[in-house]
Amino acid sequence: MTADLLLQQINNHRLGLSRAVTYINTISKFSHFTIHVQREIIHDNRIIYH
């Protein structure tokens, strides 16, 4: 295995990792947003029903 090939593989791995991290962050932000919206809906429903 040449040094160039090794560097290329490390860079590919880094790119994969950063993509995975971005993906996870996006999902957690979205789920946090969804939970927030659900809470707002529940809050609104309480106001309507009581």
PDB file of N, CA and C in Angstrom:
ATOM      1  N   MET A   1       0.848  -1.199   0.000  1.00  0.00           N
ATOM      2  CA  MET A   1       0.000   0.000   0.000  1.00  0.00           C
ATOM      3  C   MET A   1       0.883   1.249   0.000  1.00  0.00           C
ATOM      4  N   THR A   2       0.693   2.106  -0.988  1.00  0.00           N
ATOM      5  CA  THR A   2       1.501   3.325  -1.077  1.00  0.00           C
ATOM      6  C   THR A   2       0.981   4.381  -0.102  1.00  0.00           C
ATOM      7  N   ALA A   3       1.829   5.345   0.198  1.00  0.00           N
ATOM      8  CA  ALA A   3       1.453   6.419   1.119  1.00  0.00           C
ATOM      9  C   ALA A   3       0.285   7.234   0.563  1.00  0.00           C
ATOM     10  N   ASP A   4       0.295   7.451  -0.758  1.00  0.00           N
ATOM     11  CA  ASP A   4      -0.783   8.212  -1.401  1.00  0.00           C
ATOM     12  C   ASP A   4      -2.128   7.521  -1.230  1.00  0.00           C
ATOM     13  N   LEU A   5      -2.116   6.208  -1.444  1.00  0.00           N
ATOM     14  CA  LEU A   5      -3.349   5.433  -1.331  1.00  0.00           C
ATOM     15  C   LEU A   5      -3.852   5.454   0.114  1.00  0.00           C
ATOM     16  N   LEU A   6      -2.911   5.357   1.048  1.00  0.00           N
ATOM     17  CA  LEU A   6      -3.249   5.386   2.472  1.00  0.00           C
ATOM     18  C   LEU A   6      -3.885   6.725   2.840  1.00  0.00           C
ATOM     19  N   LEU A   7      -3.287   7.820   2.365  1.00  0.00           N
ATOM     20  CA  LEU A   7      -3.830   9.160   2.606  1.00  0.00           C
ATOM     21  C   LEU A   7      -5.223   9.300   2.019  1.00  0.00           C
ATOM     22  N   GLN A   8      -5.399   8.754   0.814  1.00  0.00           N
ATOM     23  CA  GLN A   8      -6.695   8.831   0.145  1.00  0.00           C
ATOM     24  C   GLN A   8      -7.754   8.097   0.967  1.00  0.00           C
ATOM     25  N   GLN A   9      -7.376   6.926   1.492  1.00  0.00           N
ATOM     26  CA  GLN A   9      -8.320   6.149   2.296  1.00  0.00           C
ATOM     27  C   GLN A   9      -8.675   6.871   3.591  1.00  0.00           C
ATOM     28  N   ILE A  10      -7.673   7.498   4.215  1.00  0.00           N
ATOM     29  CA  ILE A  10      -7.913   8.270   5.444  1.00  0.00           C
ATOM     30  C   ILE A  10      -8.854   9.435   5.157  1.00  0.00           C
ATOM     31  N   ASN A  11      -8.626  10.128   4.037  1.00  0.00           N
ATOM     32  CA  ASN A  11      -9.491  11.245   3.658  1.00  0.00           C
ATOM     33  C   ASN A  11     -10.911  10.787   3.372  1.00  0.00           C
ATOM     34  N   ASN A  12     -11.055   9.661   2.682  1.00  0.00           N
ATOM     35  CA  ASN A  12     -12.378   9.101   2.411  1.00  0.00           C
ATOM     36  C   ASN A  12     -13.091   8.765   3.714  1.00  0.00           C
ATOM     37  N   HIS A  13     -12.338   8.192   4.651  1.00  0.00           N
ATOM     38  CA  HIS A  13     -12.899   7.819   5.947  1.00  0.00           C
ATOM     39  C   HIS A  13     -13.355   9.068   6.700  1.00  0.00           C
ATOM     40  N   ARG A  14     -12.530  10.111   6.654  1.00  0.00           N
ATOM     41  CA  ARG A  14     -12.881  11.381   7.309  1.00  0.00           C
ATOM     42  C   ARG A  14     -14.138  11.979   6.709  1.00  0.00           C
ATOM     43  N   LEU A  15     -14.222  11.933   5.382  1.00  0.00           N
ATOM     44  CA  LEU A  15     -15.385  12.467   4.682  1.00  0.00           C
ATOM     45  C   LEU A  15     -16.627  11.689   5.103  1.00  0.00           C
ATOM     46  N   GLY A  16     -16.503  10.365   5.169  1.00  0.00           N
ATOM     47  CA  GLY A  16     -17.605   9.512   5.608  1.00  0.00           C
ATOM     48  C   GLY A  16     -18.024   9.852   7.024  1.00  0.00           C
ATOM     49  N   LEU A  17     -17.050  10.057   7.898  1.00  0.00           N
ATOM     50  CA  LEU A  17     -17.337  10.397   9.291  1.00  0.00           C
ATOM     51  C   LEU A  17     -18.056  11.732   9.402  1.00  0.00           C
ATOM     52  N   SER A  18     -17.558  12.741   8.689  1.00  0.00           N
ATOM     53  CA  SER A  18     -18.186  14.063   8.777  1.00  0.00           C
ATOM     54  C   SER A  18     -19.598  14.030   8.215  1.00  0.00           C
ATOM     55  N   ARG A  19     -19.801  13.218   7.163  1.00  0.00           N
ATOM     56  CA  ARG A  19     -21.148  13.057   6.613  1.00  0.00           C
ATOM     57  C   ARG A  19     -22.058  12.403   7.635  1.00  0.00           C
ATOM     58  N   ALA A  20     -21.552  11.380   8.304  1.00  0.00           N
ATOM     59  CA  ALA A  20     -22.330  10.675   9.323  1.00  0.00           C
ATOM     60  C   ALA A  20     -22.695  11.617  10.464  1.00  0.00           C
ATOM     61  N   VAL A  21     -21.733  12.418  10.903  1.00  0.00           N
ATOM     62  CA  VAL A  21     -21.967  13.381  11.986  1.00  0.00           C
ATOM     63  C   VAL A  21     -23.020  14.409  11.578  1.00  0.00           C
ATOM     64  N   THR A  22     -22.903  14.921  10.354  1.00  0.00           N
ATOM     65  CA  THR A  22     -23.880  15.886   9.839  1.00  0.00           C
ATOM     66  C   THR A  22     -25.267  15.270   9.816  1.00  0.00           C
ATOM     67  N   TYR A  23     -25.337  14.021   9.349  1.00  0.00           N
ATOM     68  CA  TYR A  23     -26.602  13.294   9.249  1.00  0.00           C
ATOM     69  C   TYR A  23     -27.235  13.119  10.630  1.00  0.00           C
ATOM     70  N   ILE A  24     -26.414  12.703  11.598  1.00  0.00           N
ATOM     71  CA  ILE A  24     -26.895  12.500  12.973  1.00  0.00           C
ATOM     72  C   ILE A  24     -27.375  13.821  13.568  1.00  0.00           C
ATOM     73  N   ASN A  25     -26.607  14.897  13.362  1.00  0.00           N
ATOM     74  CA  ASN A  25     -26.999  16.218  13.859  1.00  0.00           C
ATOM     75  C   ASN A  25     -28.321  16.665  13.262  1.00  0.00           C
ATOM     76  N   THR A  26     -28.485  16.431  11.958  1.00  0.00           N
ATOM     77  CA  THR A  26     -29.721  16.811  11.272  1.00  0.00           C
ATOM     78  C   THR A  26     -30.901  16.056  11.863  1.00  0.00           C
ATOM     79  N   ILE A  27     -30.725  14.747  12.067  1.00  0.00           N
ATOM     80  CA  ILE A  27     -31.798  13.919  12.629  1.00  0.00           C
ATOM     81  C   ILE A  27     -32.153  14.383  14.038  1.00  0.00           C
ATOM     82  N   SER A  28     -31.137  14.635  14.871  1.00  0.00           N
ATOM     83  CA  SER A  28     -31.416  15.032  16.254  1.00  0.00           C
ATOM     84  C   SER A  28     -32.080  16.408  16.307  1.00  0.00           C
ATOM     85  N   LYS A  29     -31.674  17.311  15.419  1.00  0.00           N
ATOM     86  CA  LYS A  29     -32.321  18.624  15.353  1.00  0.00           C
ATOM     87  C   LYS A  29     -33.773  18.470  14.934  1.00  0.00           C
ATOM     88  N   PHE A  30     -34.002  17.608  13.938  1.00  0.00           N
ATOM     89  CA  PHE A  30     -35.350  17.409  13.429  1.00  0.00           C
ATOM     90  C   PHE A  30     -36.233  16.774  14.497  1.00  0.00           C
ATOM     91  N   SER A  31     -35.716  15.757  15.206  1.00  0.00           N
ATOM     92  CA  SER A  31     -36.525  15.101  16.229  1.00  0.00           C
ATOM     93  C   SER A  31     -36.792  16.056  17.387  1.00  0.00           C
ATOM     94  N   HIS A  32     -35.832  16.911  17.712  1.00  0.00           N
ATOM     95  CA  HIS A  32     -36.030  17.915  18.757  1.00  0.00           C
ATOM     96  C   HIS A  32     -37.134  18.882  18.330  1.00  0.00           C
ATOM     97  N   PHE A  33     -37.105  19.277  17.069  1.00  0.00           N
ATOM     98  CA  PHE A  33     -38.117  20.172  16.514  1.00  0.00           C
ATOM     99  C   PHE A  33     -39.492  19.508  16.564  1.00  0.00           C
ATOM    100  N   THR A  34     -39.553  18.230  16.185  1.00  0.00           N
ATOM    101  CA  THR A  34     -40.818  17.482  16.189  1.00  0.00           C
ATOM    102  C   THR A  34     -41.388  17.408  17.600  1.00  0.00           C
ATOM    103  N   ILE A  35     -40.529  17.113  18.583  1.00  0.00           N
ATOM    104  CA  ILE A  35     -40.964  17.046  19.984  1.00  0.00           C
ATOM    105  C   ILE A  35     -41.517  18.406  20.413  1.00  0.00           C
ATOM    106  N   HIS A  36     -40.836  19.471  20.014  1.00  0.00           N
ATOM    107  CA  HIS A  36     -41.270  20.828  20.358  1.00  0.00           C
ATOM    108  C   HIS A  36     -42.649  21.111  19.774  1.00  0.00           C
ATOM    109  N   VAL A  37     -42.845  20.749  18.508  1.00  0.00           N
ATOM    110  CA  VAL A  37     -44.131  20.965  17.838  1.00  0.00           C
ATOM    111  C   VAL A  37     -45.227  20.152  18.527  1.00  0.00           C
ATOM    112  N   GLN A  38     -44.936  18.893  18.868  1.00  0.00           N
ATOM    113  CA  GLN A  38     -45.912  18.047  19.557  1.00  0.00           C
ATOM    114  C   GLN A  38     -46.313  18.673  20.891  1.00  0.00           C
ATOM    115  N   ARG A  39     -45.343  19.207  21.620  1.00  0.00           N
ATOM    116  CA  ARG A  39     -45.634  19.866  22.900  1.00  0.00           C
ATOM    117  C   ARG A  39     -46.537  21.068  22.692  1.00  0.00           C
ATOM    118  N   GLU A  40     -46.250  21.844  21.653  1.00  0.00           N
ATOM    119  CA  GLU A  40     -47.074  23.020  21.338  1.00  0.00           C
ATOM    120  C   GLU A  40     -48.506  22.598  21.026  1.00  0.00           C
ATOM    121  N   ILE A  41     -48.663  21.517  20.244  1.00  0.00           N
ATOM    122  CA  ILE A  41     -49.995  21.021  19.875  1.00  0.00           C
ATOM    123  C   ILE A  41     -50.738  20.562  21.130  1.00  0.00           C
ATOM    124  N   ILE A  42     -50.052  19.823  21.996  1.00  0.00           N
ATOM    125  CA  ILE A  42     -50.663  19.352  23.247  1.00  0.00           C
ATOM    126  C   ILE A  42     -51.093  20.556  24.084  1.00  0.00           C
ATOM    127  N   HIS A  43     -50.237  21.558  24.159  1.00  0.00           N
ATOM    128  CA  HIS A  43     -50.527  22.771  24.923  1.00  0.00           C
ATOM    129  C   HIS A  43     -51.769  23.467  24.358  1.00  0.00           C
ATOM    130  N   ASP A  44     -51.835  23.595  23.031  1.00  0.00           N
ATOM    131  CA  ASP A  44     -52.992  24.215  22.374  1.00  0.00           C
ATOM    132  C   ASP A  44     -54.262  23.423  22.647  1.00  0.00           C
ATOM    133  N   ASN A  45     -54.164  22.098  22.589  1.00  0.00           N
ATOM    134  CA  ASN A  45     -55.328  21.247  22.840  1.00  0.00           C
ATOM    135  C   ASN A  45     -55.850  21.422  24.262  1.00  0.00           C
ATOM    136  N   ARG A  46     -54.954  21.571  25.212  1.00  0.00           N
ATOM    137  CA  ARG A  46     -55.356  21.785  26.605  1.00  0.00           C
ATOM    138  C   ARG A  46     -56.152  23.076  26.724  1.00  0.00           C
ATOM    139  N   ILE A  47     -55.682  24.103  26.034  1.00  0.00           N
ATOM    140  CA  ILE A  47     -56.366  25.401  26.064  1.00  0.00           C
ATOM    141  C   ILE A  47     -57.764  25.263  25.463  1.00  0.00           C
ATOM    142  N   ILE A  48     -57.867  24.514  24.358  1.00  0.00           N
ATOM    143  CA  ILE A  48     -59.158  24.339  23.679  1.00  0.00           C
ATOM    144  C   ILE A  48     -60.129  23.538  24.552  1.00  0.00           C
ATOM    145  N   TYR A  49     -59.636  22.451  25.167  1.00  0.00           N
ATOM    146  CA  TYR A  49     -60.537  21.554  25.895  1.00  0.00           C
ATOM    147  C   TYR A  49     -60.934  22.073  27.278  1.00  0.00           C
ATOM    148  N   HIS A  50     -60.077  22.893  27.898  1.00  0.00           N
ATOM    149  CA  HIS A  50     -60.386  23.322  29.270  1.00  0.00           C
ATOM    150  C   HIS A  50     -61.008  24.714  29.312  1.00  0.00           C
TER     151      HIS A  50
END
